[in-house]
N, C-alpha and C. Protein backbone atom coordinates (compact mmCIF):
# COMPACT_ATOMS: atom_id res chain seq x y z
N UNK A 1 108.30 98.96 74.50
CA UNK A 1 108.62 99.76 75.35
C UNK A 1 109.31 99.27 76.54
N UNK A 2 109.92 99.90 77.30
CA UNK A 2 110.85 99.42 78.53
C UNK A 2 109.93 99.44 79.77
N UNK A 3 110.51 98.93 80.84
CA UNK A 3 109.76 98.74 81.99
C UNK A 3 109.38 100.02 82.56
N UNK A 4 110.31 100.68 82.52
CA UNK A 4 110.43 102.13 82.99
C UNK A 4 108.94 103.13 82.48
N UNK A 5 109.02 103.10 80.85
CA UNK A 5 108.08 103.75 80.16
C UNK A 5 106.51 103.15 80.64
N UNK A 6 107.10 101.95 80.57
CA UNK A 6 105.32 101.24 80.68
C UNK A 6 104.70 101.51 82.16
N UNK A 7 105.57 101.64 83.17
CA UNK A 7 105.32 102.08 84.48
C UNK A 7 104.59 103.38 84.34
N UNK A 8 105.58 104.29 83.68
CA UNK A 8 104.65 105.42 83.48
C UNK A 8 103.50 106.00 82.98
N UNK A 9 103.52 104.93 82.07
CA UNK A 9 102.23 104.88 81.17
C UNK A 9 101.02 104.28 81.98
N UNK A 10 101.59 103.63 82.92
CA UNK A 10 100.46 102.84 83.60
C UNK A 10 99.80 104.05 84.50
N UNK A 11 100.91 104.62 85.30
CA UNK A 11 100.61 105.97 86.23
C UNK A 11 99.87 106.69 85.52
N UNK A 12 100.04 107.11 84.22
CA UNK A 12 99.38 108.03 83.71
C UNK A 12 97.71 108.02 83.69
N UNK A 13 97.64 106.61 82.89
CA UNK A 13 96.30 105.98 82.87
C UNK A 13 95.70 105.88 84.11
N UNK A 14 96.10 105.49 84.96
CA UNK A 14 95.47 105.46 86.20
C UNK A 14 95.17 106.72 86.63
N UNK A 15 96.27 107.73 86.73
CA UNK A 15 95.98 109.08 87.01
C UNK A 15 94.69 109.93 86.48
N UNK A 16 94.32 109.89 84.83
CA UNK A 16 93.33 110.28 84.22
C UNK A 16 92.16 109.45 84.66
N UNK A 17 92.34 108.09 84.79
CA UNK A 17 90.98 107.16 85.17
C UNK A 17 90.40 107.87 86.88
N UNK A 18 91.50 108.33 87.64
CA UNK A 18 91.04 108.85 88.69
C UNK A 18 90.57 110.23 88.85
N UNK A 19 91.12 111.05 87.98
CA UNK A 19 90.40 112.44 87.81
C UNK A 19 89.18 112.55 86.94
N UNK A 20 89.06 111.42 86.03
CA UNK A 20 87.67 111.59 85.41
C UNK A 20 86.50 110.75 86.39
N UNK A 21 87.08 109.76 87.11
CA UNK A 21 85.65 109.58 87.94
C UNK A 21 84.42 108.82 86.94
N UNK A 22 84.84 108.46 85.92
CA UNK A 22 83.78 107.91 85.32
C UNK A 22 83.26 106.40 85.58
N UNK A 23 82.28 105.82 85.59
CA UNK A 23 82.22 104.58 85.71
C UNK A 23 82.94 103.67 84.81
N UNK A 24 82.87 103.89 83.50
CA UNK A 24 83.63 103.15 82.55
C UNK A 24 85.35 102.99 82.74
N UNK A 25 85.59 104.31 83.19
CA UNK A 25 86.98 104.47 82.99
C UNK A 25 87.55 103.53 84.65
N UNK A 26 86.33 103.50 85.38
CA UNK A 26 86.88 102.62 86.40
C UNK A 26 87.06 101.32 86.29
N UNK A 27 86.63 100.83 85.06
CA UNK A 27 86.81 99.19 84.65
C UNK A 27 87.90 99.34 83.82
N UNK A 28 88.70 100.19 83.50
CA UNK A 28 89.95 100.09 82.41
C UNK A 28 90.87 99.51 82.86
N UNK A 29 91.56 98.66 82.18
CA UNK A 29 92.85 98.03 82.76
C UNK A 29 94.15 99.04 82.55
N UNK A 30 94.87 98.94 83.78
CA UNK A 30 95.99 99.86 83.65
C UNK A 30 97.29 98.67 83.55
N UNK A 31 97.06 97.84 83.72
CA UNK A 31 98.24 96.69 83.90
C UNK A 31 97.87 95.70 82.80
N UNK A 32 99.00 94.99 82.12
CA UNK A 32 98.88 94.16 81.03
C UNK A 32 98.38 93.08 81.54
N UNK A 33 97.46 92.22 80.50
CA UNK A 33 96.53 91.49 81.06
C UNK A 33 97.28 90.02 81.49
N UNK A 34 96.83 89.50 82.85
CA UNK A 34 97.50 88.36 83.34
C UNK A 34 97.37 87.15 82.54
N UNK A 35 98.57 86.28 82.22
CA UNK A 35 98.14 85.06 81.26
C UNK A 35 97.23 84.02 81.90
N UNK A 36 96.66 83.94 83.11
CA UNK A 36 95.86 82.74 83.68
C UNK A 36 94.68 83.63 84.41
N UNK A 37 94.71 84.38 85.23
CA UNK A 37 93.80 85.04 85.89
C UNK A 37 92.93 86.10 84.98
N UNK A 38 91.67 85.75 84.67
CA UNK A 38 90.83 86.62 84.02
C UNK A 38 90.16 87.31 85.02
N UNK A 39 91.04 88.69 84.94
CA UNK A 39 90.60 89.96 85.65
C UNK A 39 91.43 91.03 85.46
N UNK A 40 91.10 92.07 85.75
CA UNK A 40 91.80 93.23 85.22
C UNK A 40 93.08 93.71 86.23
N UNK A 41 93.98 94.15 85.73
CA UNK A 41 95.12 94.83 87.02
C UNK A 41 95.52 93.87 87.64
N UNK A 42 96.04 92.47 87.44
CA UNK A 42 96.43 91.94 88.24
C UNK A 42 97.93 91.89 88.70
N UNK A 43 98.25 91.64 90.01
CA UNK A 43 99.27 91.79 90.46
C UNK A 43 99.90 90.84 91.35
N UNK A 44 101.19 90.21 91.09
CA UNK A 44 101.46 88.96 91.83
C UNK A 44 102.49 89.47 92.70
N UNK A 45 102.61 89.51 94.17
CA UNK A 45 103.36 90.12 94.84
C UNK A 45 103.98 89.06 95.85
N UNK A 46 104.39 88.11 95.22
CA UNK A 46 105.33 87.30 95.98
C UNK A 46 104.39 86.08 95.73
N UNK A 47 104.98 84.71 96.78
CA UNK A 47 104.21 83.55 96.49
C UNK A 47 102.74 83.39 96.86
N UNK A 48 102.57 83.89 97.99
CA UNK A 48 101.39 83.99 98.91
C UNK A 48 100.32 84.92 98.38
N UNK A 49 100.51 86.13 97.57
CA UNK A 49 99.62 87.03 97.61
C UNK A 49 99.44 87.75 96.32
N UNK A 50 98.35 87.55 95.89
CA UNK A 50 97.55 88.07 94.35
C UNK A 50 96.72 89.27 94.60
N UNK A 51 96.59 90.37 94.11
CA UNK A 51 95.68 91.32 93.96
C UNK A 51 95.17 91.54 92.52
N UNK A 52 93.73 92.00 92.59
CA UNK A 52 93.24 92.01 91.09
C UNK A 52 91.98 92.79 91.13
N UNK A 53 91.48 93.32 90.10
CA UNK A 53 90.16 93.70 89.51
C UNK A 53 89.13 92.27 89.90
N UNK A 54 87.87 92.64 89.28
CA UNK A 54 86.95 91.16 89.99
C UNK A 54 87.30 90.27 88.60
N UNK A 55 87.55 89.19 89.00
CA UNK A 55 87.86 87.76 88.22
C UNK A 55 86.51 87.40 87.49
N UNK A 56 86.53 87.09 86.42
CA UNK A 56 85.33 86.30 86.09
C UNK A 56 84.81 84.93 86.58
N UNK A 57 83.45 84.55 86.31
CA UNK A 57 82.83 83.53 87.02
C UNK A 57 83.77 82.22 86.70
N UNK A 58 84.28 82.16 85.61
CA UNK A 58 85.18 80.77 85.16
C UNK A 58 86.45 80.82 86.30
N UNK A 59 87.07 81.96 86.30
CA UNK A 59 88.25 82.24 87.04
C UNK A 59 88.04 82.01 88.51
N UNK A 60 86.99 82.48 89.12
CA UNK A 60 86.53 82.10 90.54
C UNK A 60 86.34 80.58 90.82
N UNK A 61 85.81 80.02 89.74
CA UNK A 61 85.46 78.58 89.72
C UNK A 61 86.59 77.69 89.96
N UNK A 62 87.90 78.03 89.20
CA UNK A 62 88.98 77.35 89.22
C UNK A 62 90.12 77.78 90.17
N UNK A 63 89.68 78.86 90.83
CA UNK A 63 91.08 79.41 91.65
C UNK A 63 91.63 78.36 92.63
N UNK A 64 91.03 77.48 93.29
CA UNK A 64 92.18 76.30 93.60
C UNK A 64 93.03 75.59 92.64
N UNK A 65 92.39 75.28 91.67
CA UNK A 65 92.85 74.37 90.93
C UNK A 65 94.19 74.79 90.32
N UNK A 66 93.77 76.24 89.71
CA UNK A 66 94.67 76.93 88.84
C UNK A 66 95.40 78.28 88.94
N UNK A 67 95.22 78.50 90.59
CA UNK A 67 96.04 79.49 91.65
C UNK A 67 96.41 79.22 92.60
N UNK A 68 95.93 77.79 93.05
CA UNK A 68 96.21 77.35 94.60
C UNK A 68 95.61 78.27 95.50
N UNK A 69 94.95 79.16 95.26
CA UNK A 69 94.46 80.24 96.13
C UNK A 69 93.39 79.48 97.42
N UNK A 70 93.80 79.63 98.63
CA UNK A 70 93.48 79.31 99.75
C UNK A 70 92.21 80.30 100.48
N UNK A 71 91.98 81.58 100.04
CA UNK A 71 91.54 82.34 100.55
C UNK A 71 91.13 83.46 99.77
N UNK A 72 89.91 84.04 99.74
CA UNK A 72 89.67 85.31 99.11
C UNK A 72 89.14 86.60 99.86
N UNK A 73 89.88 87.75 99.57
CA UNK A 73 89.55 88.84 100.42
C UNK A 73 88.79 89.98 99.46
N UNK A 74 87.79 90.32 99.38
CA UNK A 74 87.03 90.95 98.61
C UNK A 74 86.62 92.29 99.32
N UNK A 75 86.71 93.34 98.79
CA UNK A 75 86.86 94.48 99.17
C UNK A 75 85.59 95.81 98.59
N UNK A 76 85.06 95.42 97.71
CA UNK A 76 84.15 96.29 97.48
C UNK A 76 82.75 95.85 97.53
N UNK A 77 81.79 96.58 97.66
CA UNK A 77 80.26 96.34 97.91
C UNK A 77 79.47 95.52 96.97
N UNK A 78 78.79 94.58 96.98
CA UNK A 78 78.61 93.46 96.50
C UNK A 78 77.55 93.98 95.24
N UNK A 79 76.92 95.44 95.57
CA UNK A 79 76.38 95.87 94.67
C UNK A 79 77.34 96.61 93.57
N UNK A 80 78.32 96.53 93.55
CA UNK A 80 79.26 97.00 92.70
C UNK A 80 79.24 96.51 91.25
N UNK A 81 79.14 97.43 90.13
CA UNK A 81 79.13 96.87 88.82
C UNK A 81 79.91 95.73 88.26
N UNK A 82 79.41 94.64 87.92
CA UNK A 82 80.40 93.47 87.65
C UNK A 82 80.88 92.49 88.41
N UNK A 83 80.33 92.82 89.89
CA UNK A 83 80.42 91.92 90.98
C UNK A 83 79.48 90.38 90.56
N UNK A 84 79.98 89.45 90.77
CA UNK A 84 79.70 88.08 90.73
C UNK A 84 78.64 87.66 91.97
N UNK A 85 77.28 87.74 91.80
CA UNK A 85 76.82 87.41 93.07
C UNK A 85 76.87 86.06 93.62
N UNK A 86 77.27 84.84 92.82
CA UNK A 86 77.50 83.72 93.27
C UNK A 86 79.15 83.43 93.62
N UNK A 87 79.73 84.18 93.87
CA UNK A 87 80.92 84.54 94.05
C UNK A 87 81.18 83.59 95.43
N UNK A 88 80.55 83.72 96.69
CA UNK A 88 80.84 83.11 97.85
C UNK A 88 80.72 81.40 97.72
N UNK A 89 79.54 81.35 96.75
CA UNK A 89 79.16 79.92 96.60
C UNK A 89 80.11 79.11 95.73
N UNK A 90 80.86 79.53 94.58
CA UNK A 90 81.66 79.29 94.05
C UNK A 90 83.23 78.82 94.54
N UNK A 91 83.45 79.58 95.58
CA UNK A 91 84.81 79.54 96.61
C UNK A 91 84.41 78.52 97.55
N UNK A 92 83.17 78.43 98.07
CA UNK A 92 82.96 77.60 99.11
C UNK A 92 83.04 76.04 98.35
N UNK A 93 82.64 75.88 97.62
CA UNK A 93 82.51 74.90 96.76
C UNK A 93 84.17 73.86 96.64
N UNK A 94 85.10 74.97 96.78
CA UNK A 94 86.66 74.67 96.76
C UNK A 94 87.35 74.48 98.03
N UNK A 95 86.30 74.87 99.09
CA UNK A 95 87.36 74.89 100.26
C UNK A 95 87.76 76.30 100.62
N UNK A 96 87.63 77.02 99.81
CA UNK A 96 88.28 78.51 100.00
C UNK A 96 87.59 79.54 100.56
N UNK A 97 88.06 79.98 101.69
CA UNK A 97 87.53 80.78 102.57
C UNK A 97 87.48 82.34 101.78
N UNK A 98 86.11 82.82 102.14
CA UNK A 98 85.68 83.92 101.66
C UNK A 98 85.32 84.92 102.60
N UNK A 99 86.11 86.13 102.40
CA UNK A 99 85.79 87.08 103.60
C UNK A 99 85.56 88.75 102.70
N UNK A 100 84.53 89.00 103.15
CA UNK A 100 83.96 90.38 102.46
C UNK A 100 83.98 91.47 103.45
N UNK A 101 84.92 92.39 102.61
CA UNK A 101 84.98 93.66 103.56
C UNK A 101 84.21 94.90 102.71
N UNK A 102 83.08 95.03 102.66
CA UNK A 102 82.53 96.36 101.66
C UNK A 102 83.10 97.44 101.96
N UNK A 103 83.81 97.93 101.39
CA UNK A 103 84.57 99.42 101.40
C UNK A 103 83.89 100.52 100.65
N UNK A 104 83.02 101.64 100.71
CA UNK A 104 82.61 102.53 99.81
C UNK A 104 83.55 103.31 99.36
N UNK A 105 83.80 103.32 97.62
CA UNK A 105 84.93 103.79 97.20
C UNK A 105 85.05 105.35 98.09
N UNK A 106 84.02 105.95 98.30
CA UNK A 106 83.95 107.51 98.45
C UNK A 106 84.24 107.96 99.78
N UNK A 107 84.26 106.60 100.82
CA UNK A 107 84.20 106.74 102.10
C UNK A 107 85.02 105.60 102.60
N UNK A 108 86.24 105.14 102.41
CA UNK A 108 87.04 104.44 103.17
C UNK A 108 87.25 104.75 104.45
N UNK A 109 87.29 103.91 105.55
CA UNK A 109 87.61 104.00 107.10
C UNK A 109 88.23 103.36 107.62
N UNK A 110 88.87 104.02 108.63
CA UNK A 110 89.93 103.43 109.54
C UNK A 110 89.49 101.86 109.88
N UNK A 111 88.00 101.73 109.95
CA UNK A 111 87.67 100.56 110.45
C UNK A 111 87.65 99.44 109.34
N UNK A 112 87.41 99.85 108.37
CA UNK A 112 87.57 98.67 107.06
C UNK A 112 89.18 98.11 107.10
N UNK A 113 89.88 99.29 107.16
CA UNK A 113 91.38 98.87 106.99
C UNK A 113 91.56 97.95 108.06
N UNK A 114 91.16 98.51 109.45
CA UNK A 114 91.72 97.68 110.52
C UNK A 114 90.89 96.17 110.45
N UNK A 115 89.66 95.99 109.75
CA UNK A 115 89.20 94.80 109.35
C UNK A 115 90.29 93.95 108.37
N UNK A 116 90.73 94.61 107.47
CA UNK A 116 91.48 94.28 106.10
C UNK A 116 92.69 93.42 107.00
N UNK A 117 93.58 94.29 107.88
CA UNK A 117 94.72 93.94 108.25
C UNK A 117 94.82 92.77 109.24
N UNK A 118 93.23 92.92 109.95
CA UNK A 118 93.02 91.56 110.93
C UNK A 118 93.19 90.23 110.19
N UNK A 119 91.79 90.31 108.74
CA UNK A 119 92.07 89.31 108.29
C UNK A 119 93.45 88.71 107.61
N UNK A 120 94.08 89.55 106.81
CA UNK A 120 95.61 89.66 106.28
C UNK A 120 96.32 88.76 107.47
N UNK A 121 96.57 89.23 108.48
CA UNK A 121 97.45 88.37 109.45
C UNK A 121 96.69 87.15 109.89
N UNK A 122 95.48 87.10 110.22
CA UNK A 122 94.70 85.54 110.28
C UNK A 122 95.07 84.59 109.42
N UNK A 123 94.77 84.87 108.18
CA UNK A 123 95.32 84.21 106.98
C UNK A 123 96.52 83.97 106.46
N UNK A 124 97.76 84.82 107.08
CA UNK A 124 99.01 84.76 106.69
C UNK A 124 99.54 83.15 106.51
N UNK A 125 100.34 82.95 105.56
CA UNK A 125 100.66 81.57 105.33
C UNK A 125 100.00 80.94 104.17
N UNK A 126 98.52 81.51 104.03
CA UNK A 126 97.75 80.73 103.01
C UNK A 126 98.13 81.67 102.03
N UNK A 127 97.90 81.12 100.26
CA UNK A 127 97.92 81.83 99.33
C UNK A 127 96.27 82.52 99.25
N UNK A 128 96.59 83.76 99.30
CA UNK A 128 95.23 84.90 99.40
C UNK A 128 95.13 85.88 97.77
N UNK A 129 94.35 85.87 97.34
CA UNK A 129 93.80 86.83 96.45
C UNK A 129 93.06 87.82 97.00
N UNK A 130 93.41 89.34 97.04
CA UNK A 130 92.63 90.37 97.67
C UNK A 130 92.10 91.14 96.26
N UNK A 131 91.06 91.26 95.98
CA UNK A 131 90.14 91.73 94.77
C UNK A 131 89.38 92.57 95.24
N UNK A 132 89.13 93.81 94.40
CA UNK A 132 87.95 94.50 94.49
C UNK A 132 87.18 94.60 93.07
N UNK A 133 86.94 95.81 92.37
CA UNK A 133 86.32 95.64 91.31
C UNK A 133 87.46 96.22 90.30
N UNK A 134 88.59 96.90 90.24
CA UNK A 134 89.85 97.12 89.50
C UNK A 134 91.04 97.20 90.23
N UNK A 135 91.24 96.89 91.33
CA UNK A 135 92.61 96.73 92.13
C UNK A 135 92.98 98.26 92.63
N UNK A 136 91.96 98.92 93.04
CA UNK A 136 92.47 100.26 93.47
C UNK A 136 92.11 100.50 94.66
N UNK A 137 90.69 99.79 95.21
CA UNK A 137 91.14 99.43 96.93
C UNK A 137 91.99 98.44 97.34
N UNK A 138 92.02 97.30 96.37
CA UNK A 138 92.94 96.10 97.05
C UNK A 138 94.21 96.58 97.27
N UNK A 139 94.93 97.23 96.03
CA UNK A 139 96.05 97.80 96.19
C UNK A 139 96.71 98.76 97.10
N UNK A 140 95.66 99.81 97.55
CA UNK A 140 95.80 100.63 98.45
C UNK A 140 95.74 100.22 99.93
N UNK A 141 94.95 99.00 100.40
CA UNK A 141 94.83 98.31 101.42
C UNK A 141 96.05 97.38 101.77
N UNK A 142 96.54 96.84 100.79
CA UNK A 142 97.51 95.97 100.86
C UNK A 142 98.81 96.76 101.08
N UNK A 143 98.99 97.94 100.26
CA UNK A 143 100.06 98.58 100.61
C UNK A 143 100.10 98.94 102.10
N UNK A 144 99.43 99.52 102.91
CA UNK A 144 99.46 99.56 104.37
C UNK A 144 99.56 98.57 104.95
N UNK A 145 99.08 97.26 104.80
CA UNK A 145 99.32 95.89 105.58
C UNK A 145 100.71 95.44 105.29
N UNK A 146 101.10 95.84 104.00
CA UNK A 146 102.60 95.08 103.54
C UNK A 146 103.55 96.08 104.49
N UNK A 147 103.63 97.51 104.56
CA UNK A 147 104.19 98.10 105.38
C UNK A 147 104.29 98.00 106.83
N UNK A 148 103.28 97.88 107.39
CA UNK A 148 102.97 97.99 108.63
C UNK A 148 102.90 96.83 109.29
N UNK A 149 102.54 95.62 108.83
CA UNK A 149 102.54 94.38 109.29
C UNK A 149 103.53 93.23 108.54
N UNK A 150 103.70 93.54 107.27
CA UNK A 150 104.49 92.50 106.61
C UNK A 150 105.70 92.84 106.89
N UNK A 151 106.21 93.86 107.00
CA UNK A 151 107.28 94.50 107.14
C UNK A 151 108.12 94.41 105.95
N UNK A 152 107.33 94.54 104.95
CA UNK A 152 107.88 94.50 103.51
C UNK A 152 108.69 95.89 103.17
N UNK A 153 109.60 95.79 102.33
CA UNK A 153 110.34 96.95 102.01
C UNK A 153 109.41 98.34 101.36
N UNK A 154 109.46 99.46 102.21
CA UNK A 154 108.43 100.28 102.17
C UNK A 154 108.91 100.84 100.36
N UNK A 155 109.92 100.90 100.28
CA UNK A 155 110.03 101.32 99.02
C UNK A 155 109.70 100.75 97.96
N UNK A 156 109.65 99.20 97.77
CA UNK A 156 109.17 98.26 96.85
C UNK A 156 107.91 98.31 96.99
N UNK A 157 107.26 98.43 98.36
CA UNK A 157 105.73 98.36 98.32
C UNK A 157 105.16 99.54 97.67
N UNK A 158 105.85 100.75 97.89
CA UNK A 158 105.00 101.90 97.24
C UNK A 158 105.16 101.82 95.80
N UNK A 159 106.19 101.29 95.16
CA UNK A 159 106.35 101.06 93.70
C UNK A 159 105.16 100.49 93.23
N UNK A 160 105.04 99.16 93.95
CA UNK A 160 103.87 98.54 93.31
C UNK A 160 102.55 99.00 93.73
N UNK A 161 102.60 99.80 94.48
CA UNK A 161 101.09 100.42 94.60
C UNK A 161 101.07 101.49 93.42
N UNK A 162 102.07 102.13 93.33
CA UNK A 162 101.88 103.73 92.32
C UNK A 162 102.22 102.74 90.97
N UNK A 163 102.40 101.69 90.78
CA UNK A 163 102.30 100.85 89.23
C UNK A 163 100.91 100.77 88.66
N UNK A 164 99.77 100.83 90.04
CA UNK A 164 98.17 100.80 89.88
C UNK A 164 98.03 102.29 89.68
N UNK A 165 98.25 103.24 90.90
CA UNK A 165 97.58 104.33 91.05
C UNK A 165 98.32 104.91 92.02
N UNK A 166 98.01 106.45 92.16
CA UNK A 166 98.69 107.18 93.34
C UNK A 166 97.51 107.85 94.25
N UNK A 167 97.09 107.21 95.18
CA UNK A 167 95.66 107.42 96.07
C UNK A 167 95.78 108.86 96.34
N UNK A 168 94.48 109.22 96.23
CA UNK A 168 94.02 110.72 96.39
C UNK A 168 92.61 110.46 97.09
N UNK A 169 92.27 111.91 97.63
CA UNK A 169 91.22 112.52 98.40
C UNK A 169 91.34 111.34 99.83
N UNK A 170 90.05 110.40 100.00
CA UNK A 170 90.11 109.87 101.25
C UNK A 170 90.79 108.99 101.21
N UNK A 171 91.33 108.27 100.16
CA UNK A 171 92.06 107.32 100.13
C UNK A 171 93.69 107.50 100.73
N UNK A 172 94.31 108.83 100.25
CA UNK A 172 95.32 109.25 100.59
C UNK A 172 95.01 109.52 101.96
N UNK A 173 94.13 110.34 102.53
CA UNK A 173 93.99 110.73 103.91
C UNK A 173 94.02 109.20 104.82
N UNK A 174 93.37 108.18 104.19
CA UNK A 174 93.36 106.91 105.01
C UNK A 174 94.75 106.27 105.16
N UNK A 175 95.57 106.22 104.18
CA UNK A 175 97.02 105.53 104.13
C UNK A 175 97.64 106.58 105.09
N UNK A 176 97.63 107.85 104.85
CA UNK A 176 98.51 108.87 105.47
C UNK A 176 98.51 108.74 107.15
N UNK A 177 97.34 108.53 107.11
CA UNK A 177 96.71 108.50 108.83
C UNK A 177 97.21 107.05 109.36
N UNK A 178 97.28 105.94 108.61
CA UNK A 178 97.70 104.87 108.89
C UNK A 178 99.35 104.62 109.32
N UNK A 179 99.71 105.54 108.60
CA UNK A 179 101.47 105.53 108.46
C UNK A 179 101.78 106.42 109.12
N UNK A 180 100.97 107.45 109.54
CA UNK A 180 101.67 108.82 110.53
C UNK A 180 102.05 107.96 111.85
N UNK A 181 101.54 107.02 112.60
CA UNK A 181 101.90 106.66 113.66
C UNK A 181 103.24 105.42 113.66
N UNK A 182 103.67 105.47 112.50
CA UNK A 182 104.88 104.38 112.53
C UNK A 182 106.13 105.04 112.75
N UNK A 183 106.69 104.39 114.17
CA UNK A 183 107.86 105.02 114.72
C UNK A 183 109.07 104.37 114.04
N UNK A 184 110.01 105.50 113.93
CA UNK A 184 111.43 105.15 113.45
C UNK A 184 111.99 103.97 114.35
N UNK A 185 112.72 103.23 113.55
CA UNK A 185 113.52 101.96 114.40
C UNK A 185 111.95 100.73 114.43
N UNK A 186 110.90 100.65 113.54
CA UNK A 186 110.00 99.61 113.94
C UNK A 186 110.58 98.53 112.97
N UNK A 187 111.45 98.84 112.26
CA UNK A 187 111.73 97.54 111.29
C UNK A 187 111.39 98.15 109.85
N UNK A 188 110.77 99.09 109.88
CA UNK A 188 110.24 99.35 108.14
C UNK A 188 111.19 100.91 108.13
N UNK A 189 111.89 101.01 106.99
CA UNK A 189 112.84 101.85 106.44
C UNK A 189 111.94 103.12 106.26
N UNK A 190 112.32 104.50 106.59
CA UNK A 190 111.02 105.55 106.20
C UNK A 190 110.94 105.51 104.44
N UNK A 191 109.70 105.96 104.25
CA UNK A 191 109.25 106.20 103.28
C UNK A 191 109.98 107.58 102.48
N UNK A 192 110.58 108.45 103.44
CA UNK A 192 111.19 109.85 102.70
C UNK A 192 112.22 109.88 103.45
N UNK A 193 112.30 111.04 103.64
CA UNK A 193 113.94 111.84 104.41
C UNK A 193 113.34 111.34 105.74
N UNK A 194 114.53 110.83 106.84
CA UNK A 194 114.50 110.46 108.29
C UNK A 194 113.75 111.42 108.88
N UNK A 195 112.64 110.96 109.80
CA UNK A 195 111.95 111.66 110.81
C UNK A 195 110.77 112.55 110.02
N UNK A 196 110.47 111.98 108.59
CA UNK A 196 109.15 112.98 108.08
C UNK A 196 108.68 112.15 107.29
N UNK A 197 107.49 111.87 107.81
CA UNK A 197 106.59 110.51 107.26
C UNK A 197 106.20 111.07 105.94
N UNK A 198 106.13 110.17 104.94
CA UNK A 198 106.11 110.38 103.78
C UNK A 198 104.65 110.53 103.17
N UNK A 199 104.08 111.51 103.02
CA UNK A 199 102.64 111.97 102.59
C UNK A 199 102.54 111.65 100.85
N UNK A 200 101.59 110.72 100.58
CA UNK A 200 101.25 110.46 98.93
C UNK A 200 101.22 111.48 98.19
N UNK A 201 101.68 111.71 96.99
CA UNK A 201 101.36 113.07 96.09
C UNK A 201 99.60 113.07 96.28
N UNK A 202 99.26 114.27 96.16
CA UNK A 202 97.78 114.40 95.96
C UNK A 202 97.35 114.44 94.45
N UNK A 203 96.05 114.17 94.34
CA UNK A 203 95.29 114.41 93.42
C UNK A 203 93.98 114.60 93.61
N UNK A 204 93.28 115.46 93.12
CA UNK A 204 91.87 115.59 93.41
C UNK A 204 91.20 114.88 93.50
N UNK A 205 90.00 114.81 94.56
CA UNK A 205 89.33 113.38 94.93
C UNK A 205 88.39 112.99 93.41
N UNK A 206 88.12 111.95 93.05
CA UNK A 206 87.17 111.63 92.21
C UNK A 206 85.77 111.30 92.77
N UNK A 207 84.60 111.33 91.67
CA UNK A 207 83.55 111.16 91.98
C UNK A 207 83.50 109.82 92.25
N UNK A 208 82.17 109.42 93.24
CA UNK A 208 82.26 107.90 93.54
C UNK A 208 82.10 106.77 92.05
N UNK A 209 82.75 105.71 92.24
CA UNK A 209 82.42 104.96 91.06
C UNK A 209 82.77 103.52 91.68
N UNK A 210 82.72 102.66 91.04
CA UNK A 210 83.09 101.17 91.36
C UNK A 210 84.39 100.87 91.14
N UNK A 211 85.24 100.71 92.21
CA UNK A 211 86.62 100.25 91.69
C UNK A 211 87.17 99.18 92.91
């Protein structure tokens, strides 16, 4: 299967999972398995940034040695299905900074995004793993940070996001609200036609799950 068809298939799977809203579907892999990090939906977005679902305990225990990770930002509540209770301790033993921003799946708010952007800016220059349970929260929030703060190419940032999923419901509202104030000429190219903020395609909101 060529790359274009693979991305299309991944998008269809992500869309089905979002519409289904089932806890099992929330843990399904959308992206191919990563050869070294044992977590679903791993995305490597440059030399200093990795996104993923929940890594297993063995991967967490060897993040410094095998992945050269220096900081971890965890975006799901600690009560989420599949969460590793000992994650903070496993990371502390390796000298890895742990930042926990618990974002409710069905109610992400601007304050969560602001806390995430502040953490990313403070940690910039270190090799960071951003994860939640299945890389839905992580990919959505990282997309906003890349466009607004990291000055990444918006087209590539959007492509990376949509390789995972197309945000809908409260997540679409959060992203569109954050991007609405982006002024022309601020260093980031428009996401659609000049003068028109790009609104992400809508899907009906899913019921609360762990993602």
